[in-house]
Amino acid sequence: MTRLRTTAPLLLAAGLAALAVATVHDAGCADPGRYEARGDGTWSLVGGCVDPGDLVIPPPPVVQPPAPSPEQSRS
């Protein structure tokens, strides 16, 4: 039982890694893209299979103004 507990996670990880490689290989993307240095010191991904329209950017959350604090009576 101890040998199974030791080797099962390793076999599972190897299987998942093989599945990930097969998925990427069969993705159907001829141009994987490349990184190019920009003039401002940052890097930009050029090419690839992802179009800007494929990325979903949620709208910014609506911030409610704070409720006014109740006035305390001085009696």
Foldseek 3Di string as FASTA:
>chain_A
DVVCVVCVVVVVVVVVVVVVVVCVVPVPKPDQWDWDADPVGDIDTPDHDDDPVNDDDDDDDDDDDDDDDDDDDDD
